[in-house]
Amino acid sequence: MGTDKASNYKVFKIARTGHRVTIRVSNHHANAIKYLEHEATDFNLSIMVSKRYRKNTFRPHPGVMLKEYVYMGRQLEKVDSPYSQVAKSIAGFLETGEYVDTTGVAKVNVSP
């Protein structure tokens, strides 16, 4: 993935089920319609990580199934190894198809 864009999208296959999923990792909220431009799949995942608090600008779309897990601000400071935990949650998702927030601080946005 290049670093020339604010968000990058990548399609993966879940190891256990074979389902295709699109994952986006960024420092700002998702706009679900963008997944239609980047090969939307039956399930789409967005991970937002920001050291500072940001107003929620998440935009759902009726044609895109998307869950966004948001990690930001002071909540991250309360968690041991927050970035390692997020990485382990993503790895678990790629194995099982279920994203489990082990930090306990993620806010979740859902589309539709």
PDB file of N, CA and C in Angstrom:
ATOM      1  N   MET A   1       0.842  -1.183   0.000  1.00  0.00           N
ATOM      2  CA  MET A   1       0.000   0.000   0.000  1.00  0.00           C
ATOM      3  C   MET A   1       0.882   1.240   0.000  1.00  0.00           C
ATOM      4  N   GLY A   2       0.521   2.196  -0.809  1.00  0.00           N
ATOM      5  CA  GLY A   2       1.258   3.440  -0.858  1.00  0.00           C
ATOM      6  C   GLY A   2       0.892   4.345   0.306  1.00  0.00           C
ATOM      7  N   THR A   3       1.707   5.361   0.513  1.00  0.00           N
ATOM      8  CA  THR A   3       1.436   6.296   1.593  1.00  0.00           C
ATOM      9  C   THR A   3       1.017   7.653   1.052  1.00  0.00           C
ATOM     10  N   ASP A   4       0.609   7.697  -0.221  1.00  0.00           N
ATOM     11  CA  ASP A   4       0.268   8.968  -0.833  1.00  0.00           C
ATOM     12  C   ASP A   4      -1.174   9.389  -0.581  1.00  0.00           C
ATOM     13  N   LYS A   5      -1.975   8.538   0.073  1.00  0.00           N
ATOM     14  CA  LYS A   5      -3.366   8.863   0.338  1.00  0.00           C
ATOM     15  C   LYS A   5      -3.623   8.834   1.837  1.00  0.00           C
ATOM     16  N   ALA A   6      -4.659   9.552   2.256  1.00  0.00           N
ATOM     17  CA  ALA A   6      -4.997   9.600   3.680  1.00  0.00           C
ATOM     18  C   ALA A   6      -5.507   8.259   4.173  1.00  0.00           C
ATOM     19  N   SER A   7      -6.188   7.498   3.317  1.00  0.00           N
ATOM     20  CA  SER A   7      -6.718   6.188   3.682  1.00  0.00           C
ATOM     21  C   SER A   7      -6.310   5.175   2.633  1.00  0.00           C
ATOM     22  N   ASN A   8      -6.057   3.966   3.081  1.00  0.00           N
ATOM     23  CA  ASN A   8      -5.736   2.883   2.170  1.00  0.00           C
ATOM     24  C   ASN A   8      -6.678   1.726   2.436  1.00  0.00           C
ATOM     25  N   TYR A   9      -7.126   1.077   1.384  1.00  0.00           N
ATOM     26  CA  TYR A   9      -8.081  -0.027   1.459  1.00  0.00           C
ATOM     27  C   TYR A   9      -7.399  -1.273   0.913  1.00  0.00           C
ATOM     28  N   LYS A  10      -7.644  -2.409   1.541  1.00  0.00           N
ATOM     29  CA  LYS A  10      -7.059  -3.662   1.083  1.00  0.00           C
ATOM     30  C   LYS A  10      -8.058  -4.785   1.294  1.00  0.00           C
ATOM     31  N   VAL A  11      -8.201  -5.649   0.296  1.00  0.00           N
ATOM     32  CA  VAL A  11      -9.098  -6.800   0.383  1.00  0.00           C
ATOM     33  C   VAL A  11      -8.299  -7.995   0.887  1.00  0.00           C
ATOM     34  N   PHE A  12      -8.870  -8.699   1.868  1.00  0.00           N
ATOM     35  CA  PHE A  12      -8.260  -9.890   2.454  1.00  0.00           C
ATOM     36  C   PHE A  12      -9.266 -11.031   2.423  1.00  0.00           C
ATOM     37  N   LYS A  13      -8.762 -12.234   2.624  1.00  0.00           N
ATOM     38  CA  LYS A  13      -9.628 -13.410   2.745  1.00  0.00           C
ATOM     39  C   LYS A  13      -9.516 -13.911   4.185  1.00  0.00           C
ATOM     40  N   ILE A  14     -10.681 -14.121   4.828  1.00  0.00           N
ATOM     41  CA  ILE A  14     -10.703 -14.641   6.196  1.00  0.00           C
ATOM     42  C   ILE A  14     -10.233 -16.094   6.164  1.00  0.00           C
ATOM     43  N   ALA A  15      -9.241 -16.424   6.974  1.00  0.00           N
ATOM     44  CA  ALA A  15      -8.639 -17.757   6.954  1.00  0.00           C
ATOM     45  C   ALA A  15      -9.660 -18.855   7.234  1.00  0.00           C
ATOM     46  N   ARG A  16     -10.487 -18.682   8.230  1.00  0.00           N
ATOM     47  CA  ARG A  16     -11.411 -19.738   8.649  1.00  0.00           C
ATOM     48  C   ARG A  16     -12.583 -19.940   7.702  1.00  0.00           C
ATOM     49  N   THR A  17     -13.097 -18.860   7.121  1.00  0.00           N
ATOM     50  CA  THR A  17     -14.326 -18.957   6.318  1.00  0.00           C
ATOM     51  C   THR A  17     -14.118 -18.772   4.826  1.00  0.00           C
ATOM     52  N   GLY A  18     -13.016 -18.140   4.442  1.00  0.00           N
ATOM     53  CA  GLY A  18     -12.787 -17.849   3.033  1.00  0.00           C
ATOM     54  C   GLY A  18     -13.504 -16.616   2.531  1.00  0.00           C
ATOM     55  N   HIS A  19     -14.287 -15.947   3.392  1.00  0.00           N
ATOM     56  CA  HIS A  19     -14.988 -14.730   2.987  1.00  0.00           C
ATOM     57  C   HIS A  19     -13.985 -13.618   2.705  1.00  0.00           C
ATOM     58  N   ARG A  20     -14.333 -12.808   1.729  1.00  0.00           N
ATOM     59  CA  ARG A  20     -13.501 -11.643   1.406  1.00  0.00           C
ATOM     60  C   ARG A  20     -13.974 -10.446   2.220  1.00  0.00           C
ATOM     61  N   VAL A  21     -13.021  -9.685   2.723  1.00  0.00           N
ATOM     62  CA  VAL A  21     -13.326  -8.493   3.513  1.00  0.00           C
ATOM     63  C   VAL A  21     -12.405  -7.362   3.071  1.00  0.00           C
ATOM     64  N   THR A  22     -12.902  -6.146   3.205  1.00  0.00           N
ATOM     65  CA  THR A  22     -12.075  -4.979   2.923  1.00  0.00           C
ATOM     66  C   THR A  22     -11.754  -4.299   4.245  1.00  0.00           C
ATOM     67  N   ILE A  23     -10.466  -4.001   4.454  1.00  0.00           N
ATOM     68  CA  ILE A  23     -10.031  -3.323   5.677  1.00  0.00           C
ATOM     69  C   ILE A  23      -9.413  -1.988   5.297  1.00  0.00           C
ATOM     70  N   ARG A  24      -9.772  -0.978   6.068  1.00  0.00           N
ATOM     71  CA  ARG A  24      -9.230   0.375   5.915  1.00  0.00           C
ATOM     72  C   ARG A  24      -8.667   0.781   7.263  1.00  0.00           C
ATOM     73  N   VAL A  25      -7.455   1.319   7.279  1.00  0.00           N
ATOM     74  CA  VAL A  25      -6.863   1.862   8.503  1.00  0.00           C
ATOM     75  C   VAL A  25      -6.514   3.313   8.208  1.00  0.00           C
ATOM     76  N   SER A  26      -6.933   4.218   9.112  1.00  0.00           N
ATOM     77  CA  SER A  26      -6.730   5.637   8.860  1.00  0.00           C
ATOM     78  C   SER A  26      -6.705   6.412  10.169  1.00  0.00           C
ATOM     79  N   ASN A  27      -6.435   7.699  10.054  1.00  0.00           N
ATOM     80  CA  ASN A  27      -6.451   8.576  11.228  1.00  0.00           C
ATOM     81  C   ASN A  27      -7.687   9.474  11.241  1.00  0.00           C
ATOM     82  N   HIS A  28      -8.672   9.152  10.383  1.00  0.00           N
ATOM     83  CA  HIS A  28      -9.919   9.917  10.360  1.00  0.00           C
ATOM     84  C   HIS A  28     -11.088   8.978  10.069  1.00  0.00           C
ATOM     85  N   HIS A  29     -12.283   9.455  10.356  1.00  0.00           N
ATOM     86  CA  HIS A  29     -13.490   8.640  10.203  1.00  0.00           C
ATOM     87  C   HIS A  29     -13.743   8.254   8.749  1.00  0.00           C
ATOM     88  N   ALA A  30     -14.468   7.144   8.575  1.00  0.00           N
ATOM     89  CA  ALA A  30     -14.765   6.613   7.246  1.00  0.00           C
ATOM     90  C   ALA A  30     -16.014   7.253   6.639  1.00  0.00           C
ATOM     91  N   ASN A  31     -16.031   7.245   5.330  1.00  0.00           N
ATOM     92  CA  ASN A  31     -17.201   7.571   4.531  1.00  0.00           C
ATOM     93  C   ASN A  31     -17.531   6.275   3.800  1.00  0.00           C
ATOM     94  N   ALA A  32     -18.610   5.611   4.171  1.00  0.00           N
ATOM     95  CA  ALA A  32     -18.922   4.278   3.664  1.00  0.00           C
ATOM     96  C   ALA A  32     -18.988   4.214   2.139  1.00  0.00           C
ATOM     97  N   ILE A  33     -19.423   5.274   1.490  1.00  0.00           N
ATOM     98  CA  ILE A  33     -19.533   5.251   0.032  1.00  0.00           C
ATOM     99  C   ILE A  33     -18.168   5.041  -0.636  1.00  0.00           C
ATOM    100  N   LYS A  34     -17.092   5.412   0.026  1.00  0.00           N
ATOM    101  CA  LYS A  34     -15.743   5.228  -0.532  1.00  0.00           C
ATOM    102  C   LYS A  34     -15.424   3.755  -0.743  1.00  0.00           C
ATOM    103  N   TYR A  35     -16.061   2.872   0.034  1.00  0.00           N
ATOM    104  CA  TYR A  35     -15.822   1.441  -0.145  1.00  0.00           C
ATOM    105  C   TYR A  35     -16.323   0.965  -1.502  1.00  0.00           C
ATOM    106  N   LEU A  36     -17.334   1.621  -2.039  1.00  0.00           N
ATOM    107  CA  LEU A  36     -17.829   1.258  -3.368  1.00  0.00           C
ATOM    108  C   LEU A  36     -16.790   1.557  -4.439  1.00  0.00           C
ATOM    109  N   GLU A  37     -15.940   2.526  -4.180  1.00  0.00           N
ATOM    110  CA  GLU A  37     -14.867   2.891  -5.112  1.00  0.00           C
ATOM    111  C   GLU A  37     -13.647   1.978  -4.956  1.00  0.00           C
ATOM    112  N   HIS A  38     -13.567   1.251  -3.846  1.00  0.00           N
ATOM    113  CA  HIS A  38     -12.399   0.426  -3.538  1.00  0.00           C
ATOM    114  C   HIS A  38     -12.774  -1.038  -3.335  1.00  0.00           C
ATOM    115  N   GLU A  39     -13.613  -1.576  -4.195  1.00  0.00           N
ATOM    116  CA  GLU A  39     -13.993  -2.988  -4.158  1.00  0.00           C
ATOM    117  C   GLU A  39     -14.634  -3.374  -2.826  1.00  0.00           C
ATOM    118  N   ALA A  40     -15.812  -2.829  -2.572  1.00  0.00           N
ATOM    119  CA  ALA A  40     -16.569  -3.180  -1.374  1.00  0.00           C
ATOM    120  C   ALA A  40     -16.860  -4.677  -1.377  1.00  0.00           C
ATOM    121  N   THR A  41     -16.823  -5.283  -0.206  1.00  0.00           N
ATOM    122  CA  THR A  41     -17.100  -6.702  -0.054  1.00  0.00           C
ATOM    123  C   THR A  41     -18.334  -6.854   0.828  1.00  0.00           C
ATOM    124  N   ASP A  42     -18.688  -8.107   1.147  1.00  0.00           N
ATOM    125  CA  ASP A  42     -19.861  -8.339   1.989  1.00  0.00           C
ATOM    126  C   ASP A  42     -19.692  -7.750   3.376  1.00  0.00           C
ATOM    127  N   PHE A  43     -18.459  -7.650   3.841  1.00  0.00           N
ATOM    128  CA  PHE A  43     -18.201  -7.024   5.136  1.00  0.00           C
ATOM    129  C   PHE A  43     -16.979  -6.150   4.994  1.00  0.00           C
ATOM    130  N   ASN A  44     -17.075  -4.931   5.503  1.00  0.00           N
ATOM    131  CA  ASN A  44     -15.994  -3.964   5.426  1.00  0.00           C
ATOM    132  C   ASN A  44     -15.666  -3.497   6.840  1.00  0.00           C
ATOM    133  N   LEU A  45     -14.386  -3.317   7.104  1.00  0.00           N
ATOM    134  CA  LEU A  45     -13.907  -2.931   8.432  1.00  0.00           C
ATOM    135  C   LEU A  45     -13.056  -1.678   8.315  1.00  0.00           C
ATOM    136  N   SER A  46     -13.298  -0.732   9.210  1.00  0.00           N
ATOM    137  CA  SER A  46     -12.481   0.472   9.285  1.00  0.00           C
ATOM    138  C   SER A  46     -11.912   0.573  10.690  1.00  0.00           C
ATOM    139  N   ILE A  47     -10.623   0.850  10.769  1.00  0.00           N
ATOM    140  CA  ILE A  47      -9.954   1.089  12.044  1.00  0.00           C
ATOM    141  C   ILE A  47      -9.431   2.517  11.996  1.00  0.00           C
ATOM    142  N   MET A  48      -9.894   3.337  12.910  1.00  0.00           N
ATOM    143  CA  MET A  48      -9.430   4.716  12.992  1.00  0.00           C
ATOM    144  C   MET A  48      -8.633   4.880  14.277  1.00  0.00           C
ATOM    145  N   VAL A  49      -7.413   5.381  14.150  1.00  0.00           N
ATOM    146  CA  VAL A  49      -6.566   5.638  15.312  1.00  0.00           C
ATOM    147  C   VAL A  49      -6.071   7.071  15.229  1.00  0.00           C
ATOM    148  N   SER A  50      -6.317   7.835  16.290  1.00  0.00           N
ATOM    149  CA  SER A  50      -5.879   9.227  16.335  1.00  0.00           C
ATOM    150  C   SER A  50      -5.435   9.558  17.751  1.00  0.00           C
ATOM    151  N   LYS A  51      -4.269  10.158  17.889  1.00  0.00           N
ATOM    152  CA  LYS A  51      -3.774  10.529  19.222  1.00  0.00           C
ATOM    153  C   LYS A  51      -4.610  11.626  19.856  1.00  0.00           C
ATOM    154  N   ARG A  52      -5.268  12.428  19.024  1.00  0.00           N
ATOM    155  CA  ARG A  52      -6.096  13.495  19.583  1.00  0.00           C
ATOM    156  C   ARG A  52      -7.561  13.243  19.259  1.00  0.00           C
ATOM    157  N   TYR A  53      -8.429  13.838  20.032  1.00  0.00           N
ATOM    158  CA  TYR A  53      -9.861  13.678  19.829  1.00  0.00           C
ATOM    159  C   TYR A  53     -10.278  14.352  18.531  1.00  0.00           C
ATOM    160  N   ARG A  54     -11.165  13.716  17.784  1.00  0.00           N
ATOM    161  CA  ARG A  54     -11.730  14.283  16.560  1.00  0.00           C
ATOM    162  C   ARG A  54     -13.247  14.154  16.614  1.00  0.00           C
ATOM    163  N   LYS A  55     -13.931  15.146  16.101  1.00  0.00           N
ATOM    164  CA  LYS A  55     -15.389  15.099  15.984  1.00  0.00           C
ATOM    165  C   LYS A  55     -15.758  13.912  15.087  1.00  0.00           C
ATOM    166  N   ASN A  56     -16.862  13.232  15.424  1.00  0.00           N
ATOM    167  CA  ASN A  56     -17.290  12.071  14.648  1.00  0.00           C
ATOM    168  C   ASN A  56     -17.886  12.528  13.312  1.00  0.00           C
ATOM    169  N   THR A  57     -17.180  12.239  12.220  1.00  0.00           N
ATOM    170  CA  THR A  57     -17.647  12.601  10.888  1.00  0.00           C
ATOM    171  C   THR A  57     -17.953  11.350  10.045  1.00  0.00           C
ATOM    172  N   PHE A  58     -18.150  10.210  10.700  1.00  0.00           N
ATOM    173  CA  PHE A  58     -18.476   8.951  10.020  1.00  0.00           C
ATOM    174  C   PHE A  58     -19.742   9.138   9.187  1.00  0.00           C
ATOM    175  N   ARG A  59     -19.711   8.630   7.938  1.00  0.00           N
ATOM    176  CA  ARG A  59     -20.883   8.734   7.065  1.00  0.00           C
ATOM    177  C   ARG A  59     -21.290   7.342   6.574  1.00  0.00           C
ATOM    178  N   PRO A  60     -22.458   6.862   7.033  1.00  0.00           N
ATOM    179  CA  PRO A  60     -22.943   5.560   6.567  1.00  0.00           C
ATOM    180  C   PRO A  60     -23.488   5.653   5.143  1.00  0.00           C
ATOM    181  N   HIS A  61     -23.706   4.496   4.529  1.00  0.00           N
ATOM    182  CA  HIS A  61     -24.321   4.421   3.206  1.00  0.00           C
ATOM    183  C   HIS A  61     -25.199   3.176   3.188  1.00  0.00           C
ATOM    184  N   PRO A  62     -26.428   3.275   2.679  1.00  0.00           N
ATOM    185  CA  PRO A  62     -27.351   2.138   2.733  1.00  0.00           C
ATOM    186  C   PRO A  62     -26.868   0.902   1.975  1.00  0.00           C
ATOM    187  N   GLY A  63     -25.949   1.065   1.030  1.00  0.00           N
ATOM    188  CA  GLY A  63     -25.471  -0.068   0.243  1.00  0.00           C
ATOM    189  C   GLY A  63     -24.164  -0.670   0.712  1.00  0.00           C
ATOM    190  N   VAL A  64     -23.647  -0.226   1.869  1.00  0.00           N
ATOM    191  CA  VAL A  64     -22.343  -0.707   2.330  1.00  0.00           C
ATOM    192  C   VAL A  64     -22.435  -1.168   3.779  1.00  0.00           C
ATOM    193  N   MET A  65     -22.126  -2.449   4.003  1.00  0.00           N
ATOM    194  CA  MET A  65     -22.044  -3.004   5.352  1.00  0.00           C
ATOM    195  C   MET A  65     -20.644  -2.684   5.887  1.00  0.00           C
ATOM    196  N   LEU A  66     -20.589  -1.864   6.935  1.00  0.00           N
ATOM    197  CA  LEU A  66     -19.311  -1.389   7.452  1.00  0.00           C
ATOM    198  C   LEU A  66     -19.378  -1.227   8.960  1.00  0.00           C
ATOM    199  N   LYS A  67     -18.338  -1.675   9.629  1.00  0.00           N
ATOM    200  CA  LYS A  67     -18.150  -1.358  11.045  1.00  0.00           C
ATOM    201  C   LYS A  67     -16.829  -0.614  11.163  1.00  0.00           C
ATOM    202  N   GLU A  68     -16.879   0.476  11.924  1.00  0.00           N
ATOM    203  CA  GLU A  68     -15.677   1.262  12.163  1.00  0.00           C
ATOM    204  C   GLU A  68     -15.388   1.268  13.656  1.00  0.00           C
ATOM    205  N   TYR A  69     -14.176   0.866  14.012  1.00  0.00           N
ATOM    206  CA  TYR A  69     -13.713   0.908  15.401  1.00  0.00           C
ATOM    207  C   TYR A  69     -12.805   2.118  15.542  1.00  0.00           C
ATOM    208  N   VAL A  70     -13.161   2.995  16.477  1.00  0.00           N
ATOM    209  CA  VAL A  70     -12.477   4.277  16.633  1.00  0.00           C
ATOM    210  C   VAL A  70     -11.704   4.294  17.945  1.00  0.00           C
ATOM    211  N   TYR A  71     -10.405   4.527  17.828  1.00  0.00           N
ATOM    212  CA  TYR A  71      -9.512   4.629  18.980  1.00  0.00           C
ATOM    213  C   TYR A  71      -8.904   6.024  18.952  1.00  0.00           C
ATOM    214  N   MET A  72      -9.156   6.823  20.000  1.00  0.00           N
ATOM    215  CA  MET A  72      -8.574   8.167  19.964  1.00  0.00           C
ATOM    216  C   MET A  72      -8.459   8.812  21.329  1.00  0.00           C
ATOM    217  N   GLY A  73      -7.617   9.814  21.344  1.00  0.00           N
ATOM    218  CA  GLY A  73      -7.480  10.692  22.493  1.00  0.00           C
ATOM    219  C   GLY A  73      -7.000  10.020  23.759  1.00  0.00           C
ATOM    220  N   ARG A  74      -7.495  10.511  24.846  1.00  0.00           N
ATOM    221  CA  ARG A  74      -7.036  10.063  26.165  1.00  0.00           C
ATOM    222  C   ARG A  74      -7.398   8.625  26.481  1.00  0.00           C
ATOM    223  N   GLN A  75      -8.421   8.083  25.803  1.00  0.00           N
ATOM    224  CA  GLN A  75      -8.779   6.683  26.042  1.00  0.00           C
ATOM    225  C   GLN A  75      -7.591   5.767  25.731  1.00  0.00           C
ATOM    226  N   LEU A  76      -6.835   6.092  24.697  1.00  0.00           N
ATOM    227  CA  LEU A  76      -5.671   5.275  24.339  1.00  0.00           C
ATOM    228  C   LEU A  76      -4.615   5.281  25.439  1.00  0.00           C
ATOM    229  N   GLU A  77      -4.488   6.411  26.132  1.00  0.00           N
ATOM    230  CA  GLU A  77      -3.479   6.531  27.185  1.00  0.00           C
ATOM    231  C   GLU A  77      -3.778   5.641  28.385  1.00  0.00           C
ATOM    232  N   LYS A  78      -5.032   5.205  28.528  1.00  0.00           N
ATOM    233  CA  LYS A  78      -5.436   4.378  29.657  1.00  0.00           C
ATOM    234  C   LYS A  78      -5.188   2.889  29.412  1.00  0.00           C
ATOM    235  N   VAL A  79      -4.738   2.536  28.214  1.00  0.00           N
ATOM    236  CA  VAL A  79      -4.618   1.139  27.807  1.00  0.00           C
ATOM    237  C   VAL A  79      -3.146   0.741  27.709  1.00  0.00           C
ATOM    238  N   ASP A  80      -2.822  -0.443  28.232  1.00  0.00           N
ATOM    239  CA  ASP A  80      -1.471  -0.979  28.077  1.00  0.00           C
ATOM    240  C   ASP A  80      -1.269  -1.423  26.632  1.00  0.00           C
ATOM    241  N   SER A  81      -0.202  -0.978  26.018  1.00  0.00           N
ATOM    242  CA  SER A  81       0.160  -1.357  24.641  1.00  0.00           C
ATOM    243  C   SER A  81      -1.029  -1.276  23.684  1.00  0.00           C
ATOM    244  N   PRO A  82      -1.667  -0.098  23.558  1.00  0.00           N
ATOM    245  CA  PRO A  82      -2.887  -0.019  22.754  1.00  0.00           C
ATOM    246  C   PRO A  82      -2.688  -0.400  21.287  1.00  0.00           C
ATOM    247  N   TYR A  83      -1.574  -0.005  20.689  1.00  0.00           N
ATOM    248  CA  TYR A  83      -1.371  -0.299  19.270  1.00  0.00           C
ATOM    249  C   TYR A  83      -1.129  -1.788  19.049  1.00  0.00           C
ATOM    250  N   SER A  84      -0.459  -2.430  19.974  1.00  0.00           N
ATOM    251  CA  SER A  84      -0.277  -3.884  19.883  1.00  0.00           C
ATOM    252  C   SER A  84      -1.617  -4.591  20.005  1.00  0.00           C
ATOM    253  N   GLN A  85      -2.465  -4.092  20.893  1.00  0.00           N
ATOM    254  CA  GLN A  85      -3.782  -4.710  21.048  1.00  0.00           C
ATOM    255  C   GLN A  85      -4.630  -4.543  19.791  1.00  0.00           C
ATOM    256  N   VAL A  86      -4.586  -3.372  19.171  1.00  0.00           N
ATOM    257  CA  VAL A  86      -5.343  -3.152  17.935  1.00  0.00           C
ATOM    258  C   VAL A  86      -4.813  -4.090  16.847  1.00  0.00           C
ATOM    259  N   ALA A  87      -3.498  -4.211  16.744  1.00  0.00           N
ATOM    260  CA  ALA A  87      -2.906  -5.104  15.743  1.00  0.00           C
ATOM    261  C   ALA A  87      -3.339  -6.554  15.982  1.00  0.00           C
ATOM    262  N   LYS A  88      -3.376  -6.987  17.241  1.00  0.00           N
ATOM    263  CA  LYS A  88      -3.813  -8.352  17.556  1.00  0.00           C
ATOM    264  C   LYS A  88      -5.294  -8.535  17.223  1.00  0.00           C
ATOM    265  N   SER A  89      -6.107  -7.489  17.434  1.00  0.00           N
ATOM    266  CA  SER A  89      -7.527  -7.575  17.084  1.00  0.00           C
ATOM    267  C   SER A  89      -7.701  -7.729  15.574  1.00  0.00           C
ATOM    268  N   ILE A  90      -6.898  -7.002  14.802  1.00  0.00           N
ATOM    269  CA  ILE A  90      -6.960  -7.127  13.338  1.00  0.00           C
ATOM    270  C   ILE A  90      -6.519  -8.532  12.921  1.00  0.00           C
ATOM    271  N   ALA A  91      -5.444  -9.034  13.521  1.00  0.00           N
ATOM    272  CA  ALA A  91      -4.973 -10.385  13.195  1.00  0.00           C
ATOM    273  C   ALA A  91      -6.049 -11.426  13.527  1.00  0.00           C
ATOM    274  N   GLY A  92      -6.714 -11.265  14.658  1.00  0.00           N
ATOM    275  CA  GLY A  92      -7.795 -12.177  15.029  1.00  0.00           C
ATOM    276  C   GLY A  92      -8.939 -12.110  14.043  1.00  0.00           C
ATOM    277  N   PHE A  93      -9.249 -10.910  13.582  1.00  0.00           N
ATOM    278  CA  PHE A  93     -10.308 -10.730  12.583  1.00  0.00           C
ATOM    279  C   PHE A  93      -9.961 -11.461  11.296  1.00  0.00           C
ATOM    280  N   LEU A  94      -8.715 -11.354  10.862  1.00  0.00           N
ATOM    281  CA  LEU A  94      -8.297 -12.020   9.627  1.00  0.00           C
ATOM    282  C   LEU A  94      -8.334 -13.539   9.756  1.00  0.00           C
ATOM    283  N   GLU A  95      -8.198 -14.030  10.959  1.00  0.00           N
ATOM    284  CA  GLU A  95      -8.268 -15.469  11.202  1.00  0.00           C
ATOM    285  C   GLU A  95      -9.712 -15.962  11.296  1.00  0.00           C
ATOM    286  N   THR A  96     -10.554 -15.237  12.050  1.00  0.00           N
ATOM    287  CA  THR A  96     -11.881 -15.747  12.392  1.00  0.00           C
ATOM    288  C   THR A  96     -13.042 -15.015  11.726  1.00  0.00           C
ATOM    289  N   GLY A  97     -12.828 -13.772  11.283  1.00  0.00           N
ATOM    290  CA  GLY A  97     -13.911 -12.969  10.738  1.00  0.00           C
ATOM    291  C   GLY A  97     -14.643 -12.170  11.795  1.00  0.00           C
ATOM    292  N   GLU A  98     -14.189 -12.267  13.042  1.00  0.00           N
ATOM    293  CA  GLU A  98     -14.803 -11.513  14.141  1.00  0.00           C
ATOM    294  C   GLU A  98     -13.770 -10.552  14.720  1.00  0.00           C
ATOM    295  N   TYR A  99     -14.122  -9.262  14.745  1.00  0.00           N
ATOM    296  CA  TYR A  99     -13.223  -8.266  15.339  1.00  0.00           C
ATOM    297  C   TYR A  99     -13.582  -8.114  16.809  1.00  0.00           C
ATOM    298  N   VAL A 100     -12.602  -8.336  17.676  1.00  0.00           N
ATOM    299  CA  VAL A 100     -12.808  -8.215  19.113  1.00  0.00           C
ATOM    300  C   VAL A 100     -11.913  -7.092  19.623  1.00  0.00           C
ATOM    301  N   ASP A 101     -12.523  -6.036  20.148  1.00  0.00           N
ATOM    302  CA  ASP A 101     -11.772  -4.909  20.711  1.00  0.00           C
ATOM    303  C   ASP A 101     -11.300  -5.289  22.109  1.00  0.00           C
ATOM    304  N   THR A 102     -10.025  -5.625  22.235  1.00  0.00           N
ATOM    305  CA  THR A 102      -9.494  -6.026  23.540  1.00  0.00           C
ATOM    306  C   THR A 102      -9.124  -4.840  24.416  1.00  0.00           C
ATOM    307  N   THR A 103      -9.120  -3.634  23.836  1.00  0.00           N
ATOM    308  CA  THR A 103      -8.772  -2.459  24.640  1.00  0.00           C
ATOM    309  C   THR A 103      -9.927  -2.018  25.519  1.00  0.00           C
ATOM    310  N   GLY A 104     -11.146  -2.247  25.057  1.00  0.00           N
ATOM    311  CA  GLY A 104     -12.324  -1.796  25.787  1.00  0.00           C
ATOM    312  C   GLY A 104     -12.635  -0.326  25.633  1.00  0.00           C
ATOM    313  N   VAL A 105     -11.892   0.378  24.785  1.00  0.00           N
ATOM    314  CA  VAL A 105     -12.101   1.826  24.650  1.00  0.00           C
ATOM    315  C   VAL A 105     -12.613   2.249  23.277  1.00  0.00           C
ATOM    316  N   ALA A 106     -12.750   1.334  22.344  1.00  0.00           N
ATOM    317  CA  ALA A 106     -13.172   1.699  20.993  1.00  0.00           C
ATOM    318  C   ALA A 106     -14.626   2.138  20.975  1.00  0.00           C
ATOM    319  N   LYS A 107     -14.886   3.175  20.214  1.00  0.00           N
ATOM    320  CA  LYS A 107     -16.247   3.573  19.880  1.00  0.00           C
ATOM    321  C   LYS A 107     -16.535   2.914  18.536  1.00  0.00           C
ATOM    322  N   VAL A 108     -17.775   2.504  18.304  1.00  0.00           N
ATOM    323  CA  VAL A 108     -18.093   1.784  17.071  1.00  0.00           C
ATOM    324  C   VAL A 108     -19.147   2.551  16.267  1.00  0.00           C
ATOM    325  N   ASN A 109     -18.849   2.741  14.999  1.00  0.00           N
ATOM    326  CA  ASN A 109     -19.793   3.306  14.031  1.00  0.00           C
ATOM    327  C   ASN A 109     -20.209   2.183  13.097  1.00  0.00           C
ATOM    328  N   VAL A 110     -21.476   2.201  12.662  1.00  0.00           N
ATOM    329  CA  VAL A 110     -22.006   1.119  11.836  1.00  0.00           C
ATOM    330  C   VAL A 110     -22.753   1.687  10.634  1.00  0.00           C
ATOM    331  N   SER A 111     -22.578   1.035   9.488  1.00  0.00           N
ATOM    332  CA  SER A 111     -23.321   1.363   8.279  1.00  0.00           C
ATOM    333  C   SER A 111     -23.894   0.066   7.725  1.00  0.00           C
ATOM    334  N   PRO A 112     -25.113  -0.002   7.246  1.00  0.00           N
ATOM    335  CA  PRO A 112     -26.067   1.087   7.173  1.00  0.00           C
ATOM    336  C   PRO A 112     -26.704   1.402   8.501  1.00  0.00           C
TER     337      PRO A 112
END
